[in-house]
Amino acid sequence: MSKLIRVVLVTSLLVTTIAATAIATGCGSSAGSATPPPATPTATKSSPTQPEPTATKQSVRAEVHKDAARMMADIKAAEDRGDVIDGTPVGQSDNPYDYVGVSPVFVKIVALGKPALPAIAAEITASKGDGLREYLLAAAGAQISGDTPGSGQSWSSGKEWAKRYLQEH
């Protein structure tokens, strides 16, 4: 039964991630969507070749920072409640991917899409630690980049992912 619960959680996470990504990128039907269509560019907006305004980058970084804190608070709350993942109490698993489904905020971070990648890397780099928080941020960044767990992942820690990301970009 615990394998079934894990399959359901992973499947639910993937479906939610796909839906959130589709919404964030504007794919799919817009019927019933509360998101307005993109505004027509005007002369006052920067061209696509110009970098994003600093305020936008700062707001994405602030959102990633806030979401990382919320994700870890959700994990702590699950641990305090005595939640169990695949037969192991939350907080005792040594597999960081066991924690992905604990907080819906992971999916929210992934839904931020490619514009969040520099903010995720900066958040990891600025952190004094290199534990579960940084690993989950890196896992979100890797998922945004198209990597999937177990598909030849070339990093073993959040700091390593951030360093590689920053070297490549």
N, C-alpha and C. Protein backbone atom coordinates (compact mmCIF):
# COMPACT_ATOMS: atom_id res chain seq x y z
N MET A 1 0.82 -1.19 0.00
CA MET A 1 0.00 0.00 0.00
C MET A 1 0.86 1.25 0.00
N SER A 2 2.01 1.25 0.67
CA SER A 2 2.84 2.44 0.72
C SER A 2 3.40 2.77 -0.66
N LYS A 3 3.68 1.75 -1.49
CA LYS A 3 4.13 2.02 -2.85
C LYS A 3 3.01 2.68 -3.66
N LEU A 4 1.79 2.24 -3.43
CA LEU A 4 0.65 2.82 -4.11
C LEU A 4 0.50 4.29 -3.73
N ILE A 5 0.65 4.60 -2.45
CA ILE A 5 0.55 6.00 -2.00
C ILE A 5 1.65 6.83 -2.65
N ARG A 6 2.85 6.28 -2.73
CA ARG A 6 3.97 7.01 -3.35
C ARG A 6 3.69 7.25 -4.82
N VAL A 7 3.18 6.24 -5.54
CA VAL A 7 2.86 6.39 -6.96
C VAL A 7 1.79 7.47 -7.13
N VAL A 8 0.79 7.46 -6.27
CA VAL A 8 -0.28 8.47 -6.36
C VAL A 8 0.30 9.86 -6.11
N LEU A 9 1.16 10.00 -5.11
CA LEU A 9 1.76 11.30 -4.82
C LEU A 9 2.61 11.80 -5.97
N VAL A 10 3.46 10.93 -6.52
CA VAL A 10 4.33 11.33 -7.64
C VAL A 10 3.48 11.66 -8.86
N THR A 11 2.48 10.83 -9.16
CA THR A 11 1.59 11.10 -10.30
C THR A 11 0.87 12.42 -10.11
N SER A 12 0.36 12.66 -8.91
CA SER A 12 -0.34 13.91 -8.62
C SER A 12 0.60 15.10 -8.78
N LEU A 13 1.82 14.96 -8.32
CA LEU A 13 2.81 16.03 -8.45
C LEU A 13 3.10 16.32 -9.90
N LEU A 14 3.28 15.28 -10.71
CA LEU A 14 3.57 15.47 -12.13
C LEU A 14 2.40 16.14 -12.85
N VAL A 15 1.19 15.68 -12.59
CA VAL A 15 0.01 16.27 -13.22
C VAL A 15 -0.13 17.73 -12.82
N THR A 16 0.06 18.02 -11.54
CA THR A 16 -0.04 19.40 -11.05
C THR A 16 1.05 20.26 -11.68
N THR A 17 2.26 19.71 -11.78
CA THR A 17 3.37 20.46 -12.38
C THR A 17 3.09 20.76 -13.84
N ILE A 18 2.60 19.76 -14.58
CA ILE A 18 2.30 19.96 -15.99
C ILE A 18 1.21 21.02 -16.14
N ALA A 19 0.17 20.94 -15.33
CA ALA A 19 -0.91 21.92 -15.41
C ALA A 19 -0.42 23.32 -15.05
N ALA A 20 0.37 23.42 -14.00
CA ALA A 20 0.89 24.72 -13.59
C ALA A 20 1.81 25.30 -14.64
N THR A 21 2.63 24.45 -15.25
CA THR A 21 3.54 24.91 -16.30
C THR A 21 2.74 25.38 -17.51
N ALA A 22 1.70 24.64 -17.86
CA ALA A 22 0.86 25.02 -19.00
C ALA A 22 0.21 26.37 -18.74
N ILE A 23 -0.27 26.58 -17.54
CA ILE A 23 -0.89 27.86 -17.18
C ILE A 23 0.14 28.97 -17.22
N ALA A 24 1.32 28.71 -16.63
CA ALA A 24 2.36 29.73 -16.56
C ALA A 24 2.88 30.12 -17.93
N THR A 25 2.91 29.16 -18.87
CA THR A 25 3.44 29.44 -20.20
C THR A 25 2.36 29.84 -21.19
N GLY A 26 1.10 29.78 -20.75
CA GLY A 26 0.00 30.19 -21.63
C GLY A 26 -0.44 29.11 -22.58
N CYS A 27 0.00 27.87 -22.38
CA CYS A 27 -0.40 26.76 -23.23
C CYS A 27 -1.80 26.30 -22.83
N GLY A 28 -2.44 25.64 -23.73
CA GLY A 28 -3.75 25.07 -23.41
C GLY A 28 -4.86 26.06 -23.63
N SER A 29 -6.05 25.66 -23.27
CA SER A 29 -7.23 26.47 -23.46
C SER A 29 -7.27 27.64 -22.51
N SER A 30 -7.75 28.76 -22.99
CA SER A 30 -7.87 29.91 -22.11
C SER A 30 -9.30 30.11 -21.65
N ALA A 31 -10.17 29.18 -22.05
CA ALA A 31 -11.57 29.29 -21.64
C ALA A 31 -11.68 29.18 -20.13
N GLY A 32 -12.32 30.12 -19.52
CA GLY A 32 -12.52 30.10 -18.08
C GLY A 32 -11.29 30.53 -17.30
N SER A 33 -10.27 30.97 -17.99
CA SER A 33 -9.04 31.36 -17.30
C SER A 33 -9.18 32.74 -16.72
N ALA A 34 -8.67 32.90 -15.51
CA ALA A 34 -8.70 34.21 -14.86
C ALA A 34 -7.50 35.04 -15.27
N THR A 35 -6.55 34.44 -15.98
CA THR A 35 -5.36 35.15 -16.40
C THR A 35 -5.65 35.89 -17.69
N PRO A 36 -5.44 37.20 -17.70
CA PRO A 36 -5.70 37.95 -18.93
C PRO A 36 -4.64 37.63 -19.97
N PRO A 37 -4.96 37.84 -21.26
CA PRO A 37 -3.95 37.61 -22.29
C PRO A 37 -2.81 38.60 -22.12
N PRO A 38 -1.61 38.26 -22.65
CA PRO A 38 -0.48 39.17 -22.52
C PRO A 38 -0.80 40.51 -23.17
N ALA A 39 -0.31 41.56 -22.56
CA ALA A 39 -0.54 42.90 -23.09
C ALA A 39 0.27 43.10 -24.37
N THR A 40 -0.25 43.93 -25.25
CA THR A 40 0.48 44.25 -26.47
C THR A 40 1.65 45.15 -26.10
N PRO A 41 2.85 44.84 -26.61
CA PRO A 41 4.01 45.68 -26.28
C PRO A 41 3.80 47.12 -26.72
N THR A 42 4.30 48.04 -25.93
CA THR A 42 4.22 49.45 -26.26
C THR A 42 5.62 50.01 -26.34
N ALA A 43 5.73 51.23 -26.76
CA ALA A 43 7.04 51.86 -26.92
C ALA A 43 7.77 52.01 -25.59
N THR A 44 7.05 52.01 -24.48
CA THR A 44 7.70 52.20 -23.18
C THR A 44 8.28 50.91 -22.61
N LYS A 45 7.91 49.77 -23.18
CA LYS A 45 8.42 48.51 -22.65
C LYS A 45 9.78 48.22 -23.27
N SER A 46 10.61 47.47 -22.53
CA SER A 46 11.92 47.12 -23.06
C SER A 46 11.77 46.07 -24.14
N SER A 47 12.72 46.03 -25.06
CA SER A 47 12.68 45.05 -26.13
C SER A 47 13.10 43.70 -25.58
N PRO A 48 12.77 42.61 -26.30
CA PRO A 48 13.11 41.27 -25.80
C PRO A 48 14.62 41.05 -25.65
N THR A 49 15.43 41.84 -26.33
CA THR A 49 16.88 41.64 -26.23
C THR A 49 17.48 42.35 -25.03
N GLN A 50 16.73 43.25 -24.41
CA GLN A 50 17.22 43.95 -23.23
C GLN A 50 16.97 43.08 -22.00
N PRO A 51 17.87 43.15 -21.00
CA PRO A 51 17.64 42.37 -19.78
C PRO A 51 16.40 42.84 -19.05
N GLU A 52 15.83 41.93 -18.25
CA GLU A 52 14.65 42.28 -17.46
C GLU A 52 15.01 43.38 -16.47
N PRO A 53 14.05 44.23 -16.13
CA PRO A 53 14.33 45.25 -15.13
C PRO A 53 14.72 44.60 -13.80
N THR A 54 15.60 45.26 -13.06
CA THR A 54 16.09 44.74 -11.80
C THR A 54 14.95 44.46 -10.82
N ALA A 55 13.95 45.32 -10.79
CA ALA A 55 12.83 45.12 -9.87
C ALA A 55 12.15 43.78 -10.12
N THR A 56 12.01 43.39 -11.39
CA THR A 56 11.40 42.11 -11.71
C THR A 56 12.26 40.98 -11.21
N LYS A 57 13.56 41.04 -11.43
CA LYS A 57 14.47 40.00 -10.96
C LYS A 57 14.44 39.93 -9.44
N GLN A 58 14.39 41.09 -8.79
CA GLN A 58 14.35 41.12 -7.33
C GLN A 58 13.04 40.53 -6.81
N SER A 59 11.95 40.79 -7.50
CA SER A 59 10.68 40.26 -7.02
C SER A 59 10.62 38.74 -7.20
N VAL A 60 11.19 38.23 -8.28
CA VAL A 60 11.24 36.78 -8.46
C VAL A 60 12.13 36.17 -7.39
N ARG A 61 13.26 36.80 -7.11
CA ARG A 61 14.15 36.29 -6.06
C ARG A 61 13.44 36.29 -4.71
N ALA A 62 12.71 37.36 -4.40
CA ALA A 62 11.97 37.44 -3.14
C ALA A 62 10.90 36.35 -3.08
N GLU A 63 10.26 36.08 -4.19
CA GLU A 63 9.23 35.05 -4.23
C GLU A 63 9.85 33.67 -4.00
N VAL A 64 10.99 33.40 -4.64
CA VAL A 64 11.68 32.12 -4.45
C VAL A 64 12.11 31.98 -2.99
N HIS A 65 12.62 33.04 -2.40
CA HIS A 65 13.05 33.00 -1.00
C HIS A 65 11.86 32.68 -0.08
N LYS A 66 10.76 33.37 -0.31
CA LYS A 66 9.55 33.16 0.50
C LYS A 66 9.01 31.74 0.30
N ASP A 67 8.99 31.29 -0.94
CA ASP A 67 8.48 29.96 -1.23
C ASP A 67 9.36 28.86 -0.61
N ALA A 68 10.67 29.07 -0.62
CA ALA A 68 11.58 28.08 -0.01
C ALA A 68 11.31 27.98 1.49
N ALA A 69 11.10 29.11 2.13
CA ALA A 69 10.80 29.10 3.56
C ALA A 69 9.47 28.40 3.82
N ARG A 70 8.48 28.65 3.00
CA ARG A 70 7.16 28.01 3.15
C ARG A 70 7.25 26.51 2.93
N MET A 71 8.03 26.10 1.92
CA MET A 71 8.20 24.68 1.63
C MET A 71 8.80 23.96 2.84
N MET A 72 9.81 24.56 3.44
CA MET A 72 10.45 23.93 4.60
C MET A 72 9.51 23.95 5.82
N ALA A 73 8.70 24.99 5.94
CA ALA A 73 7.71 25.04 7.04
C ALA A 73 6.67 23.93 6.86
N ASP A 74 6.26 23.68 5.62
CA ASP A 74 5.32 22.60 5.35
C ASP A 74 5.92 21.24 5.71
N ILE A 75 7.19 21.05 5.39
CA ILE A 75 7.87 19.79 5.72
C ILE A 75 7.96 19.63 7.23
N LYS A 76 8.30 20.71 7.93
CA LYS A 76 8.39 20.67 9.40
C LYS A 76 7.03 20.34 10.00
N ALA A 77 5.97 20.94 9.47
CA ALA A 77 4.61 20.67 9.97
C ALA A 77 4.23 19.21 9.74
N ALA A 78 4.60 18.66 8.59
CA ALA A 78 4.31 17.25 8.31
C ALA A 78 5.08 16.35 9.26
N GLU A 79 6.31 16.74 9.56
CA GLU A 79 7.12 15.99 10.52
C GLU A 79 6.49 16.05 11.91
N ASP A 80 6.06 17.23 12.32
CA ASP A 80 5.43 17.41 13.64
C ASP A 80 4.12 16.63 13.76
N ARG A 81 3.38 16.51 12.65
CA ARG A 81 2.12 15.75 12.66
C ARG A 81 2.36 14.25 12.66
N GLY A 82 3.59 13.85 12.32
CA GLY A 82 3.90 12.42 12.25
C GLY A 82 3.54 11.80 10.92
N ASP A 83 3.46 12.61 9.86
CA ASP A 83 3.14 12.08 8.53
C ASP A 83 4.19 11.05 8.12
N VAL A 84 3.76 10.11 7.30
CA VAL A 84 4.62 9.03 6.83
C VAL A 84 4.63 9.02 5.31
N ILE A 85 5.82 8.87 4.73
CA ILE A 85 5.97 8.77 3.28
C ILE A 85 6.61 7.42 2.98
N ASP A 86 5.92 6.61 2.22
CA ASP A 86 6.43 5.30 1.82
C ASP A 86 6.94 4.51 3.01
N GLY A 87 6.21 4.55 4.11
CA GLY A 87 6.55 3.79 5.30
C GLY A 87 7.58 4.43 6.21
N THR A 88 8.08 5.60 5.84
CA THR A 88 9.10 6.28 6.63
C THR A 88 8.54 7.60 7.15
N PRO A 89 8.68 7.87 8.44
CA PRO A 89 8.20 9.16 8.97
C PRO A 89 8.92 10.34 8.29
N VAL A 90 8.14 11.38 8.00
CA VAL A 90 8.73 12.59 7.41
C VAL A 90 9.82 13.08 8.35
N GLY A 91 10.94 13.43 7.78
CA GLY A 91 12.08 13.89 8.57
C GLY A 91 13.12 12.80 8.78
N GLN A 92 12.76 11.55 8.48
CA GLN A 92 13.71 10.45 8.67
C GLN A 92 14.19 9.84 7.36
N SER A 93 13.60 10.25 6.24
CA SER A 93 14.02 9.71 4.95
C SER A 93 15.32 10.37 4.51
N ASP A 94 16.21 9.58 3.92
CA ASP A 94 17.45 10.15 3.40
C ASP A 94 17.33 10.44 1.90
N ASN A 95 16.14 10.24 1.34
CA ASN A 95 15.91 10.52 -0.07
C ASN A 95 15.21 11.87 -0.19
N PRO A 96 15.91 12.90 -0.70
CA PRO A 96 15.28 14.22 -0.78
C PRO A 96 14.03 14.26 -1.64
N TYR A 97 13.93 13.36 -2.62
CA TYR A 97 12.74 13.37 -3.48
C TYR A 97 11.50 12.89 -2.75
N ASP A 98 11.68 12.24 -1.59
CA ASP A 98 10.53 11.88 -0.77
C ASP A 98 9.80 13.12 -0.26
N TYR A 99 10.49 14.24 -0.18
CA TYR A 99 9.92 15.46 0.39
C TYR A 99 9.25 16.36 -0.65
N VAL A 100 9.43 16.04 -1.93
CA VAL A 100 8.88 16.87 -3.01
C VAL A 100 7.36 16.98 -2.89
N GLY A 101 6.69 15.88 -2.58
CA GLY A 101 5.24 15.89 -2.51
C GLY A 101 4.66 16.39 -1.20
N VAL A 102 5.52 16.68 -0.22
CA VAL A 102 5.02 17.11 1.08
C VAL A 102 4.43 18.51 1.01
N SER A 103 5.04 19.37 0.22
CA SER A 103 4.58 20.76 0.15
C SER A 103 4.14 21.11 -1.27
N PRO A 104 2.96 21.69 -1.42
CA PRO A 104 2.52 22.13 -2.75
C PRO A 104 3.36 23.30 -3.27
N VAL A 105 4.16 23.88 -2.42
CA VAL A 105 4.98 25.02 -2.82
C VAL A 105 6.06 24.60 -3.81
N PHE A 106 6.51 23.35 -3.74
CA PHE A 106 7.49 22.85 -4.72
C PHE A 106 6.94 23.03 -6.13
N VAL A 107 5.69 22.64 -6.33
CA VAL A 107 5.05 22.78 -7.63
C VAL A 107 4.93 24.25 -8.01
N LYS A 108 4.66 25.10 -7.05
CA LYS A 108 4.56 26.54 -7.30
C LYS A 108 5.89 27.10 -7.79
N ILE A 109 6.99 26.65 -7.18
CA ILE A 109 8.31 27.11 -7.62
C ILE A 109 8.58 26.65 -9.04
N VAL A 110 8.27 25.39 -9.34
CA VAL A 110 8.47 24.87 -10.69
C VAL A 110 7.62 25.64 -11.69
N ALA A 111 6.41 26.02 -11.29
CA ALA A 111 5.51 26.75 -12.18
C ALA A 111 6.02 28.15 -12.51
N LEU A 112 6.95 28.67 -11.74
CA LEU A 112 7.53 29.98 -12.06
C LEU A 112 8.27 29.93 -13.39
N GLY A 113 8.74 28.75 -13.76
CA GLY A 113 9.36 28.55 -15.06
C GLY A 113 10.78 29.09 -15.16
N LYS A 114 11.26 29.13 -16.40
CA LYS A 114 12.65 29.51 -16.68
C LYS A 114 13.06 30.87 -16.12
N PRO A 115 12.18 31.86 -16.06
CA PRO A 115 12.60 33.14 -15.47
C PRO A 115 13.05 33.01 -14.01
N ALA A 116 12.64 31.94 -13.34
CA ALA A 116 13.02 31.75 -11.93
C ALA A 116 14.38 31.09 -11.76
N LEU A 117 14.95 30.52 -12.81
CA LEU A 117 16.21 29.79 -12.68
C LEU A 117 17.34 30.63 -12.08
N PRO A 118 17.58 31.86 -12.57
CA PRO A 118 18.64 32.66 -11.94
C PRO A 118 18.35 32.95 -10.47
N ALA A 119 17.10 33.16 -10.13
CA ALA A 119 16.73 33.43 -8.73
C ALA A 119 16.94 32.20 -7.87
N ILE A 120 16.62 31.03 -8.39
CA ILE A 120 16.83 29.79 -7.65
C ILE A 120 18.32 29.58 -7.41
N ALA A 121 19.12 29.76 -8.45
CA ALA A 121 20.58 29.60 -8.30
C ALA A 121 21.13 30.62 -7.31
N ALA A 122 20.66 31.85 -7.37
CA ALA A 122 21.13 32.89 -6.45
C ALA A 122 20.72 32.57 -5.02
N GLU A 123 19.52 32.06 -4.83
CA GLU A 123 19.03 31.71 -3.48
C GLU A 123 19.89 30.59 -2.88
N ILE A 124 20.21 29.61 -3.69
CA ILE A 124 21.06 28.51 -3.21
C ILE A 124 22.46 29.01 -2.91
N THR A 125 23.01 29.81 -3.79
CA THR A 125 24.37 30.33 -3.62
C THR A 125 24.48 31.19 -2.36
N ALA A 126 23.47 32.00 -2.09
CA ALA A 126 23.49 32.90 -0.94
C ALA A 126 23.29 32.16 0.39
N SER A 127 22.75 30.96 0.31
CA SER A 127 22.48 30.20 1.53
C SER A 127 23.78 29.73 2.18
N LYS A 128 23.81 29.76 3.50
CA LYS A 128 24.98 29.25 4.23
C LYS A 128 24.98 27.74 4.29
N GLY A 129 23.81 27.14 4.10
CA GLY A 129 23.69 25.69 4.18
C GLY A 129 23.71 25.03 2.81
N ASP A 130 23.73 23.71 2.82
CA ASP A 130 23.62 22.93 1.59
C ASP A 130 22.90 21.62 1.94
N GLY A 131 21.70 21.79 2.48
CA GLY A 131 20.92 20.65 2.94
C GLY A 131 19.68 20.43 2.10
N LEU A 132 18.62 19.99 2.76
CA LEU A 132 17.38 19.65 2.09
C LEU A 132 16.77 20.86 1.37
N ARG A 133 16.77 22.02 1.99
CA ARG A 133 16.20 23.23 1.38
C ARG A 133 16.87 23.51 0.04
N GLU A 134 18.19 23.51 0.04
CA GLU A 134 18.94 23.82 -1.18
C GLU A 134 18.76 22.72 -2.22
N TYR A 135 18.70 21.47 -1.76
CA TYR A 135 18.51 20.36 -2.69
C TYR A 135 17.15 20.45 -3.37
N LEU A 136 16.11 20.76 -2.59
CA LEU A 136 14.77 20.87 -3.18
C LEU A 136 14.68 22.04 -4.15
N LEU A 137 15.34 23.15 -3.83
CA LEU A 137 15.38 24.26 -4.78
C LEU A 137 16.08 23.83 -6.07
N ALA A 138 17.19 23.12 -5.93
CA ALA A 138 17.92 22.62 -7.10
C ALA A 138 17.06 21.64 -7.90
N ALA A 139 16.32 20.78 -7.20
CA ALA A 139 15.43 19.83 -7.88
C ALA A 139 14.36 20.58 -8.67
N ALA A 140 13.84 21.66 -8.11
CA ALA A 140 12.86 22.48 -8.84
C ALA A 140 13.52 23.11 -10.06
N GLY A 141 14.72 23.64 -9.87
CA GLY A 141 15.45 24.23 -11.01
C GLY A 141 15.74 23.20 -12.09
N ALA A 142 16.14 22.02 -11.67
CA ALA A 142 16.42 20.95 -12.63
C ALA A 142 15.16 20.56 -13.39
N GLN A 143 14.04 20.48 -12.67
CA GLN A 143 12.78 20.13 -13.32
C GLN A 143 12.37 21.20 -14.32
N ILE A 144 12.55 22.47 -13.97
CA ILE A 144 12.25 23.56 -14.90
C ILE A 144 13.10 23.42 -16.15
N SER A 145 14.36 23.02 -15.96
CA SER A 145 15.29 22.87 -17.08
C SER A 145 15.03 21.62 -17.92
N GLY A 146 14.12 20.77 -17.46
CA GLY A 146 13.78 19.58 -18.22
C GLY A 146 14.41 18.30 -17.70
N ASP A 147 15.18 18.38 -16.63
CA ASP A 147 15.78 17.18 -16.04
C ASP A 147 14.73 16.45 -15.21
N THR A 148 14.85 15.15 -15.16
CA THR A 148 13.97 14.36 -14.31
C THR A 148 14.83 13.51 -13.39
N PRO A 149 14.35 13.26 -12.18
CA PRO A 149 15.12 12.45 -11.23
C PRO A 149 15.48 11.09 -11.83
N GLY A 150 16.74 10.70 -11.64
CA GLY A 150 17.19 9.41 -12.12
C GLY A 150 17.54 9.37 -13.59
N SER A 151 17.57 10.51 -14.27
CA SER A 151 17.88 10.52 -15.70
C SER A 151 19.30 11.03 -15.94
N GLY A 152 20.24 10.49 -15.23
CA GLY A 152 21.62 10.91 -15.41
C GLY A 152 21.91 12.24 -14.74
N GLN A 153 21.26 12.49 -13.64
CA GLN A 153 21.46 13.74 -12.89
C GLN A 153 22.95 13.95 -12.63
N SER A 154 23.46 15.11 -12.97
CA SER A 154 24.91 15.36 -12.88
C SER A 154 25.30 16.17 -11.65
N TRP A 155 24.44 16.27 -10.66
CA TRP A 155 24.75 17.02 -9.44
C TRP A 155 24.28 16.23 -8.24
N SER A 156 24.94 16.46 -7.12
CA SER A 156 24.58 15.70 -5.92
C SER A 156 24.18 16.59 -4.75
N SER A 157 24.24 17.91 -4.94
CA SER A 157 23.83 18.84 -3.88
C SER A 157 23.27 20.10 -4.53
N GLY A 158 22.55 20.86 -3.73
CA GLY A 158 22.01 22.12 -4.23
C GLY A 158 23.10 23.08 -4.67
N LYS A 159 24.15 23.18 -3.88
CA LYS A 159 25.26 24.09 -4.22
C LYS A 159 25.91 23.67 -5.54
N GLU A 160 26.06 22.36 -5.75
CA GLU A 160 26.66 21.88 -6.99
C GLU A 160 25.77 22.23 -8.18
N TRP A 161 24.44 22.05 -8.03
CA TRP A 161 23.53 22.41 -9.12
C TRP A 161 23.64 23.90 -9.44
N ALA A 162 23.64 24.75 -8.41
CA ALA A 162 23.70 26.19 -8.62
C ALA A 162 25.00 26.58 -9.30
N LYS A 163 26.09 26.00 -8.86
CA LYS A 163 27.40 26.31 -9.46
C LYS A 163 27.40 25.94 -10.95
N ARG A 164 26.89 24.77 -11.27
CA ARG A 164 26.83 24.35 -12.69
C ARG A 164 25.89 25.24 -13.50
N TYR A 165 24.75 25.56 -12.91
CA TYR A 165 23.82 26.44 -13.61
C TYR A 165 24.48 27.78 -13.93
N LEU A 166 25.12 28.36 -12.94
CA LEU A 166 25.75 29.68 -13.12
C LEU A 166 26.92 29.62 -14.11
N GLN A 167 27.65 28.52 -14.15
CA GLN A 167 28.74 28.37 -15.11
C GLN A 167 28.21 28.28 -16.55
N GLU A 168 27.06 27.63 -16.71
CA GLU A 168 26.48 27.42 -18.03
C GLU A 168 25.70 28.63 -18.53
N HIS A 169 25.32 29.51 -17.61
CA HIS A 169 24.50 30.66 -18.01
C HIS A 169 25.22 31.90 -17.64
